[in-house]
Protein backbone atom coordinates (compact mmCIF):
# COMPACT_ATOMS: atom_id res chain seq x y z
CA MET A 1 -6.94 13.38 31.22
CA LEU A 2 -4.14 11.23 33.07
CA LYS A 3 -6.78 8.20 32.99
CA ARG A 4 -6.96 8.55 29.41
CA LEU A 5 -2.89 9.02 28.63
CA LEU A 6 -2.78 5.77 30.94
CA TYR A 7 -5.08 4.42 28.90
CA ILE A 8 -3.44 5.05 25.31
CA GLN A 9 -0.29 3.81 26.46
CA ARG A 10 -1.83 0.33 27.46
CA TYR A 11 -2.97 0.19 24.26
CA LEU A 12 -0.03 1.02 22.36
CA LYS A 13 2.21 -1.04 24.02
CA HIS A 14 -0.97 -3.91 23.44
CA LEU A 15 -0.10 -2.98 19.31
CA THR A 16 4.10 -2.92 19.72
CA ASN A 17 3.75 -6.44 21.64
CA SER A 18 6.19 -7.99 18.26
CA GLU A 19 5.57 -11.33 19.40
CA ARG A 20 1.82 -11.60 20.24
CA HIS A 21 -0.31 -14.41 19.32
CA TYR A 22 -4.19 -14.34 19.11
CA ASP A 23 -6.40 -17.01 20.38
CA ALA A 24 -8.26 -18.24 17.78
CA GLY A 25 -10.73 -20.18 19.96
CA SER A 26 -11.64 -17.16 21.76
CA GLU A 27 -12.44 -15.23 18.30
CA GLN A 28 -14.97 -17.33 16.85
CA LYS A 29 -18.61 -15.40 16.59
CA ALA A 30 -21.40 -17.01 17.59
CA PRO A 31 -23.33 -18.73 14.67
CA ARG A 32 -26.01 -16.87 13.10
CA ALA A 33 -29.58 -17.35 13.01
CA LEU A 34 -30.63 -19.19 9.85
CA GLU A 35 -33.53 -16.46 8.51
CA PRO A 36 -35.91 -18.26 6.45
CA ILE A 37 -36.72 -17.85 2.90
CA PRO A 38 -40.55 -17.13 2.09
CA THR A 39 -42.24 -19.60 0.00
CA SER A 40 -44.83 -16.78 -1.65
CA ILE A 41 -42.74 -15.30 -4.60
CA ASN A 42 -44.94 -12.21 -4.24
CA ASP A 43 -43.48 -11.81 -0.51
CA ILE A 44 -39.99 -12.45 -2.00
CA GLU A 45 -40.50 -9.39 -4.44
CA ASN A 46 -41.88 -7.11 -2.27
CA ARG A 47 -39.18 -7.50 0.49
CA LEU A 48 -36.54 -7.28 -1.96
CA ARG A 49 -37.46 -4.39 -3.26
CA THR A 50 -38.09 -2.73 -0.11
CA GLU A 51 -34.61 -3.50 1.00
CA PHE A 52 -32.84 -2.32 -1.88
CA ASP A 53 -35.22 0.81 -2.55
CA ARG A 54 -33.43 3.36 -4.76
CA CYS A 55 -31.09 0.57 -6.10
CA GLU A 56 -31.15 1.10 -9.88
CA ASP A 57 -28.77 -1.67 -10.93
CA ILE A 58 -30.95 -4.68 -9.36
CA VAL A 59 -33.07 -6.99 -11.88
CA LEU A 60 -36.00 -8.62 -10.57
CA ARG A 61 -37.24 -11.51 -13.79
CA LYS A 62 -40.33 -12.85 -13.17
CA PHE A 63 -41.61 -16.30 -15.20
CA LYS A 64 -43.01 -19.03 -15.07
CA ILE A 65 -41.24 -23.03 -15.65
CA GLY A 66 -42.51 -24.09 -18.90
CA GLY A 67 -44.03 -20.72 -19.99
CA ASP A 68 -47.41 -21.44 -18.70
CA SER A 69 -47.35 -23.95 -15.40
CA SER A 70 -48.65 -22.82 -12.23
CA TYR A 71 -44.95 -22.20 -10.56
CA HIS A 72 -44.09 -18.84 -10.75
CA THR A 73 -39.84 -18.36 -10.56
CA LEU A 74 -38.35 -15.23 -9.51
CA VAL A 75 -34.36 -14.56 -10.45
CA VAL A 76 -32.14 -11.64 -8.97
CA TYR A 77 -29.26 -10.08 -10.04
CA PHE A 78 -27.08 -7.27 -10.01
CA ASP A 79 -26.46 -5.20 -13.65
CA GLY A 80 -22.96 -5.26 -13.97
CA LEU A 81 -21.99 -8.14 -11.72
CA VAL A 82 -23.91 -10.78 -13.73
CA ASP A 83 -22.63 -12.15 -17.37
CA LYS A 84 -26.59 -12.12 -18.88
CA GLU A 85 -25.61 -14.44 -21.61
CA ILE A 86 -24.63 -17.28 -19.14
CA LEU A 87 -27.59 -16.58 -17.06
CA THR A 88 -30.05 -16.33 -20.16
CA SER A 89 -28.30 -19.82 -21.45
CA THR A 90 -28.03 -21.72 -17.86
CA VAL A 91 -30.88 -20.69 -16.45
CA ILE A 92 -33.50 -18.49 -17.94
CA ASN A 93 -33.88 -20.70 -20.90
CA PRO A 94 -33.62 -24.49 -19.46
CA LEU A 95 -36.90 -23.13 -17.27
CA MET A 96 -38.98 -21.41 -19.89
CA ILE A 97 -38.34 -23.46 -22.91
CA GLN A 98 -36.76 -27.25 -22.05
CA ALA A 99 -38.81 -27.38 -19.16
CA ARG A 100 -42.26 -27.55 -21.12
CA GLU A 101 -41.49 -31.22 -22.15
CA ILE A 102 -40.25 -32.21 -18.76
CA ILE A 103 -43.88 -30.36 -17.14
CA ARG A 104 -45.79 -32.60 -19.81
CA ASP A 105 -44.71 -35.58 -18.65
CA ILE A 106 -44.24 -35.28 -15.17
CA PRO A 107 -47.17 -33.28 -12.42
CA LEU A 108 -45.18 -31.06 -10.40
CA ASN A 109 -45.08 -30.96 -6.64
CA ARG A 110 -43.23 -28.94 -3.98
CA ARG A 111 -40.58 -31.97 -3.61
CA SER A 112 -40.20 -32.78 -7.55
CA ALA A 113 -39.84 -29.25 -8.30
CA TYR A 114 -36.94 -28.91 -6.55
CA GLU A 115 -35.18 -32.39 -7.63
CA ILE A 116 -36.27 -31.55 -11.52
CA ILE A 117 -34.70 -28.10 -10.94
CA LYS A 118 -31.59 -28.83 -9.19
CA GLU A 119 -30.62 -31.99 -11.23
CA SER A 120 -32.29 -31.57 -14.31
CA LEU A 121 -33.16 -27.94 -15.67
CA LEU A 122 -30.25 -26.02 -14.27
CA SER A 123 -27.30 -26.53 -16.73
CA ASN A 124 -24.84 -23.87 -14.65
CA CYS A 125 -21.73 -25.39 -13.95
CA GLU A 126 -22.08 -24.04 -10.16
CA VAL A 127 -25.47 -24.50 -8.10
CA GLU A 128 -26.04 -24.15 -4.84
CA SER A 129 -29.42 -24.22 -2.58
CA SER A 130 -29.77 -22.43 0.76
CA LYS A 131 -32.59 -22.15 2.93
CA ASP A 132 -30.88 -18.74 4.82
CA TYR A 133 -32.15 -15.66 2.98
CA ARG A 134 -29.02 -13.78 4.39
CA PHE A 135 -26.79 -16.21 2.63
CA VAL A 136 -28.30 -16.26 -0.45
CA ILE A 137 -28.48 -11.85 0.00
CA GLU A 138 -24.99 -11.73 0.55
CA ARG A 139 -24.13 -14.48 -2.61
CA MET A 140 -25.87 -12.14 -5.01
CA LEU A 141 -24.22 -8.94 -4.12
CA THR A 142 -20.84 -11.06 -4.91
CA GLY A 143 -22.17 -11.55 -8.47
CA ASP A 144 -24.32 -14.65 -8.17
CA SER A 145 -27.45 -15.01 -9.63
CA ILE A 146 -30.43 -16.20 -7.04
CA LEU A 147 -33.40 -18.37 -8.30
CA PHE A 148 -36.58 -18.22 -6.23
CA VAL A 149 -39.49 -20.61 -6.72
CA GLU A 150 -43.05 -20.12 -5.96
CA GLY A 151 -43.49 -22.94 -2.84
CA LEU A 152 -40.16 -23.66 -2.19
CA ASP A 153 -38.50 -22.52 1.38
CA GLU A 154 -35.07 -22.53 -0.75
CA ALA A 155 -33.43 -20.91 -3.01
CA PHE A 156 -30.77 -21.67 -5.97
CA VAL A 157 -27.69 -19.95 -6.06
CA THR A 158 -25.82 -19.87 -9.94
CA CYS A 159 -22.63 -19.02 -11.13
CA SER A 160 -22.90 -16.27 -13.72
CA ARG A 161 -20.61 -13.46 -12.61
CA GLY A 162 -19.08 -11.77 -15.50
CA TRP A 163 -17.72 -8.29 -14.58
CA GLU A 164 -15.14 -5.93 -16.51
CA ALA A 165 -11.90 -6.54 -15.25
CA ARG A 166 -8.63 -5.84 -15.72
CA GLY A 167 -6.42 -7.96 -18.08
CA VAL A 168 -2.75 -9.62 -17.01
CA GLU A 169 -0.11 -7.10 -17.89
CA GLU A 170 3.30 -6.40 -16.73
CA PRO A 171 3.38 -4.97 -13.47
CA ASP A 172 4.48 -1.01 -13.17
CA THR A 173 6.37 -1.70 -9.48
CA GLU A 174 8.30 -4.32 -10.20
CA ALA A 175 9.94 -4.35 -13.92
CA THR A 176 12.10 -7.49 -14.60
CA VAL A 177 14.87 -8.22 -17.54
CA ARG A 178 14.42 -11.99 -17.36
CA GLY A 179 11.53 -13.89 -16.51
CA SER A 180 8.17 -13.86 -15.99
CA ARG A 181 6.20 -10.62 -17.33
CA GLU A 182 2.61 -11.62 -15.74
CA GLY A 183 1.73 -9.26 -12.72
CA PHE A 184 -1.52 -10.00 -10.74
CA THR A 185 -5.10 -8.29 -11.38
CA GLU A 186 -8.06 -6.87 -9.12
CA CYS A 187 -9.32 -10.45 -9.69
CA ILE A 188 -8.89 -12.72 -6.58
CA ARG A 189 -9.90 -15.44 -8.74
CA ASN A 190 -7.86 -14.92 -11.75
CA ASN A 191 -4.93 -14.10 -8.87
CA THR A 192 -5.41 -17.88 -7.07
CA ALA A 193 -5.33 -19.53 -10.84
CA MET A 194 -2.09 -18.02 -11.62
CA ILE A 195 -0.53 -19.11 -8.41
CA ARG A 196 -2.08 -22.43 -9.27
CA ARG A 197 -0.78 -22.36 -12.49
CA ARG A 198 2.82 -22.29 -11.22
CA ILE A 199 2.12 -24.81 -8.35
CA ARG A 200 0.34 -27.61 -9.08
CA ASN A 201 0.03 -30.01 -6.13
CA PRO A 202 -3.27 -30.83 -4.39
CA LYS A 203 -1.21 -29.95 -1.33
CA LEU A 204 -1.67 -25.81 -2.14
CA LYS A 205 -4.42 -24.56 0.00
CA MET A 206 -6.53 -21.71 -0.21
CA GLU A 207 -8.60 -20.47 3.00
CA PRO A 208 -11.49 -18.32 2.31
CA PHE A 209 -11.95 -15.08 4.90
CA ILE A 210 -14.63 -12.41 4.48
CA LEU A 211 -13.54 -9.37 5.99
CA GLY A 212 -15.02 -5.96 6.66
CA ARG A 213 -18.68 -5.44 8.13
CA GLN A 214 -20.02 -2.97 5.05
CA THR A 215 -17.53 -4.18 1.93
CA ASN A 216 -17.59 -8.13 3.08
CA THR A 217 -14.13 -8.34 1.22
CA LYS A 218 -12.88 -11.93 -0.13
CA ILE A 219 -9.34 -12.57 1.61
CA ILE A 220 -7.91 -15.94 0.49
CA ILE A 221 -4.69 -17.40 2.70
CA SER A 222 -2.74 -19.42 0.62
CA TYR A 223 0.06 -21.70 1.49
CA ILE A 224 1.46 -25.65 0.76
CA GLU A 225 0.64 -27.62 3.54
CA GLY A 226 3.80 -29.56 4.51
CA ILE A 227 6.37 -26.86 3.56
CA ALA A 228 4.61 -24.35 5.43
CA HIS A 229 5.12 -24.17 9.38
CA GLN A 230 1.92 -25.14 10.63
CA GLU A 231 2.21 -22.28 13.63
CA VAL A 232 2.74 -19.82 11.08
CA VAL A 233 -0.44 -20.68 9.17
CA GLU A 234 -2.48 -20.94 12.47
CA GLU A 235 -1.23 -17.00 13.57
CA VAL A 236 -1.85 -15.76 10.03
CA ARG A 237 -5.22 -17.50 10.45
CA ALA A 238 -5.74 -16.37 14.02
CA ARG A 239 -5.12 -12.69 13.23
CA ILE A 240 -7.30 -12.70 9.90
CA LYS A 241 -10.16 -13.70 12.51
CA ARG A 242 -9.56 -10.85 14.90
CA ILE A 243 -9.92 -8.34 12.20
CA ASP A 244 -13.14 -6.62 13.11
CA ASN A 245 -13.49 -3.05 10.46
CA ASP A 246 -16.18 -1.77 8.39
CA ALA A 247 -13.80 -1.79 5.41
CA ILE A 248 -11.22 -3.59 3.74
CA LEU A 249 -10.52 -1.98 0.55
CA GLU A 250 -6.72 -2.65 -0.14
CA SER A 251 -4.22 -5.11 0.73
CA GLY A 252 -2.07 -2.19 2.73
CA GLN A 253 -5.12 -2.13 5.02
CA LEU A 254 -4.77 -6.09 5.80
CA GLU A 255 -1.08 -5.42 5.89
CA GLU A 256 -1.35 -2.73 8.53
CA LEU A 257 -3.88 -4.77 10.62
CA ILE A 258 -1.70 -7.90 10.85
CA ASN A 259 1.61 -6.07 11.56
CA ASP A 260 4.12 -7.67 13.95
CA ALA A 261 5.43 -3.87 14.88
CA PRO A 262 2.52 -1.35 14.07
CA LEU A 263 4.82 1.40 15.35
CA SER A 264 7.74 0.68 13.64
CA LEU A 265 9.20 2.29 10.31
CA PHE A 266 10.47 -1.39 8.82
CA PRO A 267 8.23 -3.12 6.69
CA THR A 268 7.51 -7.09 8.39
CA VAL A 269 4.96 -7.96 5.72
CA GLY A 270 5.76 -8.03 2.42
CA ASN A 271 3.99 -7.82 -1.34
CA SER A 272 4.34 -8.26 -4.31
CA GLU A 273 2.32 -8.22 -7.70
CA LYS A 274 4.29 -11.05 -9.61
CA PRO A 275 2.63 -14.51 -9.59
CA ASP A 276 6.39 -16.39 -9.81
CA LYS A 277 7.78 -14.57 -7.19
CA VAL A 278 4.94 -15.06 -4.61
CA ALA A 279 5.59 -18.75 -5.66
CA ALA A 280 8.54 -19.13 -5.19
CA LYS A 281 8.11 -17.63 -1.53
CA MET A 282 5.45 -20.15 -0.91
CA LEU A 283 7.66 -23.06 -2.16
CA GLU A 284 10.25 -22.04 1.08
CA GLY A 285 7.44 -21.90 3.56
CA ARG A 286 5.66 -18.57 3.55
CA VAL A 287 2.14 -18.08 3.87
CA ALA A 288 0.54 -15.33 0.60
CA ILE A 289 -2.24 -13.31 1.28
CA LEU A 290 -4.77 -12.18 -1.08
CA CYS A 291 -7.15 -9.51 -1.33
CA ASP A 292 -9.75 -9.15 -3.44
CA GLY A 293 -9.94 -5.87 -5.18
CA THR A 294 -6.14 -5.36 -5.39
CA PRO A 295 -3.03 -6.52 -7.31
CA PHE A 296 -1.02 -6.57 -4.43
CA VAL A 297 -0.72 -10.25 -3.10
CA LEU A 298 1.04 -10.41 1.05
CA THR A 299 3.59 -12.61 1.83
CA VAL A 300 4.53 -13.63 5.53
CA PRO A 301 6.91 -13.82 6.99
CA TYR A 302 9.08 -11.13 5.16
CA LEU A 303 12.86 -10.90 6.52
CA PHE A 304 14.99 -7.97 5.82
CA VAL A 305 17.09 -9.72 3.32
CA GLU A 306 14.19 -10.31 0.99
CA ALA A 307 14.29 -6.42 -0.14
CA PHE A 308 17.81 -6.61 -1.55
CA GLN A 309 16.51 -9.83 -3.74
CA ALA A 310 14.74 -9.84 -7.08
CA SER A 311 13.05 -12.49 -8.93
CA GLU A 312 15.32 -12.39 -11.73
CA ASP A 313 18.42 -12.96 -9.75
CA TYR A 314 17.41 -16.47 -9.69
CA TYR A 315 17.21 -16.36 -13.45
CA SER A 316 20.77 -15.31 -13.99
CA SER A 317 24.31 -16.35 -13.35
CA SER A 318 25.00 -16.59 -9.15
CA TYR A 319 27.90 -14.50 -9.91
CA SER A 320 25.66 -11.66 -11.10
CA SER A 321 22.99 -11.99 -9.03
CA SER A 322 25.54 -11.94 -5.63
CA MET A 323 27.43 -8.59 -7.10
CA ILE A 324 24.15 -6.85 -7.77
CA ARG A 325 22.74 -7.86 -4.20
CA VAL A 326 25.73 -6.26 -2.47
CA PHE A 327 25.16 -3.46 -4.98
CA ARG A 328 21.80 -3.10 -3.64
CA PHE A 329 23.01 -3.18 -0.30
CA ILE A 330 25.46 -0.54 -0.55
CA ALA A 331 23.21 1.42 -2.29
CA PHE A 332 20.69 1.07 0.87
CA LEU A 333 23.35 2.64 3.23
CA PHE A 334 24.35 5.58 0.69
CA SER A 335 20.51 6.54 0.45
CA ILE A 336 20.22 6.60 4.21
CA PHE A 337 23.69 8.07 5.31
CA LEU A 338 25.05 9.83 2.52
CA PRO A 339 23.75 13.34 3.62
CA ALA A 340 23.89 12.65 6.47
CA GLY A 341 27.89 12.07 6.00
CA TYR A 342 28.51 15.09 3.95
CA VAL A 343 27.23 16.97 6.85
CA ALA A 344 29.30 15.08 9.17
CA LEU A 345 32.29 15.90 7.20
CA ILE A 346 31.68 19.48 6.45
CA THR A 347 30.93 20.59 10.04
CA PHE A 348 33.08 18.41 12.26
CA HIS A 349 35.77 16.33 10.29
CA ARG A 350 36.93 19.03 7.59
CA ASP A 351 40.61 17.33 8.44
CA VAL A 352 39.31 14.13 6.97
CA ILE A 353 39.07 15.65 3.94
CA PRO A 354 41.89 15.45 1.05
CA PHE A 355 43.27 19.19 0.98
CA GLU A 356 42.69 19.58 -3.02
CA LEU A 357 39.46 18.23 -2.29
CA LEU A 358 38.35 20.49 0.50
CA VAL A 359 39.28 23.50 -1.62
CA THR A 360 37.34 22.71 -4.49
CA VAL A 361 34.19 22.06 -1.76
CA ALA A 362 35.15 25.26 0.25
CA ALA A 363 35.53 27.11 -3.15
CA ALA A 364 32.10 25.77 -4.14
CA ARG A 365 30.24 26.85 -0.93
CA GLU A 366 31.54 30.28 -0.61
CA GLY A 367 28.94 32.50 -0.21
CA LEU A 368 26.22 30.39 0.62
CA PRO A 369 23.85 31.62 3.06
CA PHE A 370 23.00 28.68 4.91
CA SER A 371 24.95 26.31 6.86
CA SER A 372 25.14 22.21 5.15
CA PHE A 373 22.55 20.91 7.33
CA THR A 374 20.24 23.46 6.15
CA GLU A 375 21.27 23.00 2.33
CA ALA A 376 21.00 19.23 2.92
CA PHE A 377 17.70 19.64 3.95
CA ILE A 378 16.36 21.86 1.51
CA MET A 379 17.41 19.81 -1.37
CA GLY A 380 16.37 16.70 0.33
CA LEU A 381 13.22 18.33 0.68
CA ILE A 382 13.12 19.17 -3.55
CA PHE A 383 13.80 16.25 -4.13
CA GLU A 384 10.73 14.15 -2.40
CA LEU A 385 8.67 16.90 -3.69
CA LEU A 386 9.70 16.51 -7.19
CA ARG A 387 9.29 12.77 -6.75
CA GLU A 388 6.09 12.84 -5.46
CA ALA A 389 4.99 15.21 -8.18
CA GLY A 390 6.06 12.37 -10.65
CA VAL A 391 4.33 9.85 -9.38
CA ARG A 392 1.07 11.46 -9.05
CA MET A 393 0.86 13.32 -12.28
CA PRO A 394 0.05 11.60 -15.26
CA ARG A 395 2.85 9.22 -16.60
CA PRO A 396 3.52 11.37 -19.71
CA ILE A 397 3.62 14.93 -17.93
CA GLY A 398 5.47 13.07 -14.32
CA GLN A 399 8.37 12.05 -16.41
CA ALA A 400 8.58 15.37 -17.93
CA VAL A 401 8.30 17.17 -14.64
CA SER A 402 10.90 14.85 -13.01
CA ILE A 403 13.63 15.21 -15.51
CA VAL A 404 13.30 19.35 -16.24
CA GLY A 405 12.40 20.27 -12.53
CA ALA A 406 15.92 18.34 -11.49
CA LEU A 407 17.54 20.26 -13.79
CA VAL A 408 16.20 23.55 -13.91
CA LEU A 409 15.80 23.66 -10.01
CA GLY A 410 19.62 21.98 -9.78
CA GLU A 411 21.16 24.79 -11.82
CA ALA A 412 19.20 27.53 -10.92
CA THR A 413 19.69 26.72 -7.03
CA ILE A 414 23.64 27.12 -8.28
CA ARG A 415 23.31 29.99 -9.66
CA ALA A 416 21.06 31.62 -6.59
CA GLY A 417 23.56 30.52 -4.31
CA ILE A 418 21.28 28.85 -2.56
CA ALA A 419 23.81 25.33 -2.50
CA GLY A 420 26.66 24.08 -3.84
CA ALA A 421 27.23 21.82 -6.37
CA PRO A 422 28.88 19.02 -4.21
CA MET A 423 25.39 19.45 -2.40
CA ILE A 424 24.05 18.46 -5.95
CA ILE A 425 25.85 15.52 -6.53
CA VAL A 426 24.86 14.11 -2.96
CA THR A 427 21.67 14.61 -3.69
CA ALA A 428 21.17 13.11 -6.72
CA MET A 429 23.64 10.22 -5.58
CA THR A 430 20.91 9.75 -2.90
CA ALA A 431 18.12 9.67 -5.15
CA ILE A 432 19.64 7.45 -7.58
CA CYS A 433 20.39 5.06 -4.78
CA SER A 434 17.05 5.30 -3.10
CA PHE A 435 15.37 4.01 -6.27
CA ILE A 436 17.51 0.68 -6.38
CA VAL A 437 15.79 -0.67 -3.06
CA PRO A 438 11.96 -0.07 -3.88
CA PRO A 439 10.87 -2.01 -1.15
CA LEU A 440 12.31 0.49 1.35
CA ASN A 441 11.52 3.48 0.07
CA GLY A 442 8.68 4.38 2.43
CA PHE A 443 10.60 5.06 5.24
CA MET A 444 13.98 5.98 3.72
CA PRO A 445 12.85 9.84 3.93
CA ILE A 446 12.16 9.85 7.75
CA VAL A 447 15.34 7.80 8.36
CA ARG A 448 17.67 9.73 6.23
CA LEU A 449 16.35 13.10 8.27
CA THR A 450 16.79 11.52 11.75
CA ALA A 451 20.66 10.63 10.68
CA LEU A 452 21.11 13.98 9.17
CA VAL A 453 20.30 15.61 12.40
CA CYS A 454 22.39 13.36 14.26
CA ALA A 455 25.11 14.03 12.24
CA ASN A 456 24.82 18.10 12.63
CA ILE A 457 24.61 17.34 16.54
CA LEU A 458 27.03 14.85 16.80
CA GLY A 459 29.42 13.93 13.54
CA PHE A 460 30.45 10.52 12.96
CA MET A 461 29.75 9.69 16.32
CA GLY A 462 26.46 10.65 15.98
CA ILE A 463 25.57 8.65 12.90
CA VAL A 464 27.40 6.00 14.68
CA ILE A 465 24.58 5.84 17.56
CA PHE A 466 21.70 6.45 15.36
CA GLY A 467 23.28 2.94 13.26
CA ALA A 468 23.79 1.31 16.89
CA PHE A 469 19.93 2.09 17.58
CA GLY A 470 18.74 1.06 14.32
CA VAL A 471 20.94 -2.37 14.49
CA VAL A 472 19.46 -3.33 17.64
CA HIS A 473 15.68 -2.32 17.09
CA LEU A 474 16.18 -4.76 13.79
CA CYS A 475 17.60 -7.18 16.08
CA SER A 476 14.00 -6.52 18.33
CA LEU A 477 11.77 -6.88 15.56
CA ARG A 478 9.95 -10.30 14.70
CA THR A 479 7.67 -11.24 11.67
CA PHE A 480 4.98 -13.50 12.58
CA GLY A 481 7.59 -15.39 15.06
CA VAL A 482 10.35 -15.22 12.80
CA PRO A 483 13.67 -13.07 13.42
CA TYR A 484 13.89 -10.14 11.41
CA LEU A 485 17.18 -10.10 10.39
CA PHE A 486 17.36 -13.76 10.05
CA PRO A 487 19.96 -15.31 9.20
CA PHE A 488 22.12 -13.25 10.36
CA ALA A 489 21.00 -12.30 13.82
CA PRO A 490 20.74 -15.10 15.18
CA LEU A 491 23.71 -16.14 12.69
CA HIS A 492 22.79 -19.44 10.70
CA GLY A 493 25.11 -20.21 8.25
CA ASP A 494 23.17 -22.76 6.07
CA ASP A 495 21.01 -19.91 5.29
CA LEU A 496 23.28 -17.32 4.40
CA LYS A 497 23.55 -19.20 0.49
CA ASP A 498 20.83 -16.84 -0.04
CA SER A 499 21.00 -13.47 1.46
CA LEU A 500 23.69 -11.16 0.56
CA VAL A 501 24.68 -13.48 -1.90
CA ARG A 502 23.13 -15.79 -3.97
CA VAL A 503 25.02 -19.57 -4.36
CA PRO A 504 24.21 -21.86 -7.39
CA ILE A 505 21.07 -23.34 -7.61
CA TRP A 506 21.99 -27.06 -7.41
CA ALA A 507 23.43 -26.02 -4.15
CA MET A 508 20.32 -24.95 -2.49
CA LEU A 509 19.43 -28.46 -0.71
CA THR A 510 17.54 -26.73 2.11
CA ARG A 511 14.73 -24.68 2.65
CA PRO A 512 14.74 -21.51 5.29
CA ALA A 513 15.33 -23.25 8.68
CA LEU A 514 12.92 -21.37 10.71
CA LEU A 515 10.38 -21.61 7.91
CA ARG A 516 10.36 -25.48 7.24
CA SER A 517 7.84 -27.63 8.47
CA GLU A 518 9.78 -30.35 10.21
CA ALA A 519 10.12 -29.70 13.75
CA LYS A 520 12.86 -31.77 13.88
CA GLN A 521 14.79 -29.44 11.23
CA ASN A 522 14.59 -26.56 12.94
CA LYS A 523 17.74 -25.89 15.16
CA PHE A 524 15.83 -22.08 16.17
CA ARG A 525 12.11 -22.33 17.19
CA ILE A 526 9.60 -20.36 15.97
CA LYS A 527 8.45 -18.10 19.43
CA LEU A 528 4.74 -17.37 19.33
CA HIS A 529 3.65 -16.33 22.62
CA HIS A 530 0.04 -17.17 23.32
CA GLN A 531 -1.66 -13.71 24.26
CA LYS A 532 -5.04 -13.69 26.39
CA ARG A 533 -7.28 -10.82 25.02
CA ASP A 534 -7.78 -7.75 27.43
CA SER A 535 -11.28 -8.81 29.48
CA GLN A 536 -12.12 -5.20 29.41
């Protein structure tokens, strides 16, 4: 038992190392041996039918080149992943009909068949040949169609993908008043195209990776060469190469696997559904990580101050944007400390409350059976249940449940003497403030409850101690080598121009110092410590 606890402790210590660096060279897997393709069409067909037994969606189309030649061909694809019109017009029709005249004039042999098919017959926009059986099967599973030819030990991979996909819509999680209304979709190729439309630069790089032993999910890291810091790019590349899971179904799983501090409540990896927002972050020097099958794109490094910024802040006046950012920060503090402050005032510091207000609060709390802490805990629990019900229910019903539930429960709670009117007001204000900063909503209930417990034990002293520990923890976090509280800790005056206040666009002359690729312009160096893997 003791050995098991020591192992768990060592494992958690390894995970929580916020300055870890993975040695990319040590993660290179041994090259896979080439698996040859049979030259006989019958052998290939039997092998495919055996390997994909009880797979109703696989289609094997067998025919002859030119309709009457001795060269048999086999087209294999998955129904639902392929656009049949593209496949018919660019592969099957040229080989069956247009090839008749070519066969009549040129006698086919093994070499001439390969050259004629690839260079003269296949009119598909993307044609690739391979001698590796496993490679062509993997491409078929991604939606490509495969062409096998009798006597050839090579197969042709043609692009004919055409599955159903959701169109480009306005994202629900990041509504804007002014700015682009486009949002990412579940198709990774559409997402890369939306980024490419905004950054028309040959230095915009998109490196592909395949993750998941069972799912083979496509991952793309995107950055602008010359703007993104090379050490950050290498760190992202190394962390992704180290992932060895059965499945990657959503970018949230990927976020958890590359996170600097997995045990911390604060997010160190950003996410967004808006192409303009991701493009703007890349222009500052960040790296975007796209995952096939999800509209959420990750961005790293992610700073704490980004939670209080919105894309439309840069499309409106700098004065109004700065004021709204300050309001967001105040709302964040209220959403965490308002219930705790109320409990501290009622329990420990009543002499601070003005006499008239104290009389009103005392009258509202007269006859209540619970303490202020229990009252705040019950109302916080009810609010979280209502919020979860509103999110999980269908949209029209969810809105009605949230509004009607809040009104009915609030009024019934006061009439039943379970909670007072001041607590209802505090809970409502906390709820409104928590909705203003969506990126931090995930951990707010836990932090709010912890602050509430501290306030119930030590009053304002407990809140101050809790806040001090929180600031120390934030200062200790790093996101891909960058301090999480930058530009406040360490303080960098030049980068305060786009923090809690925003100066006019014409005054933003430089990118964030820690994200610049030029080493000479970096006053603070990115710290990435190389960490060797445990030999065990």
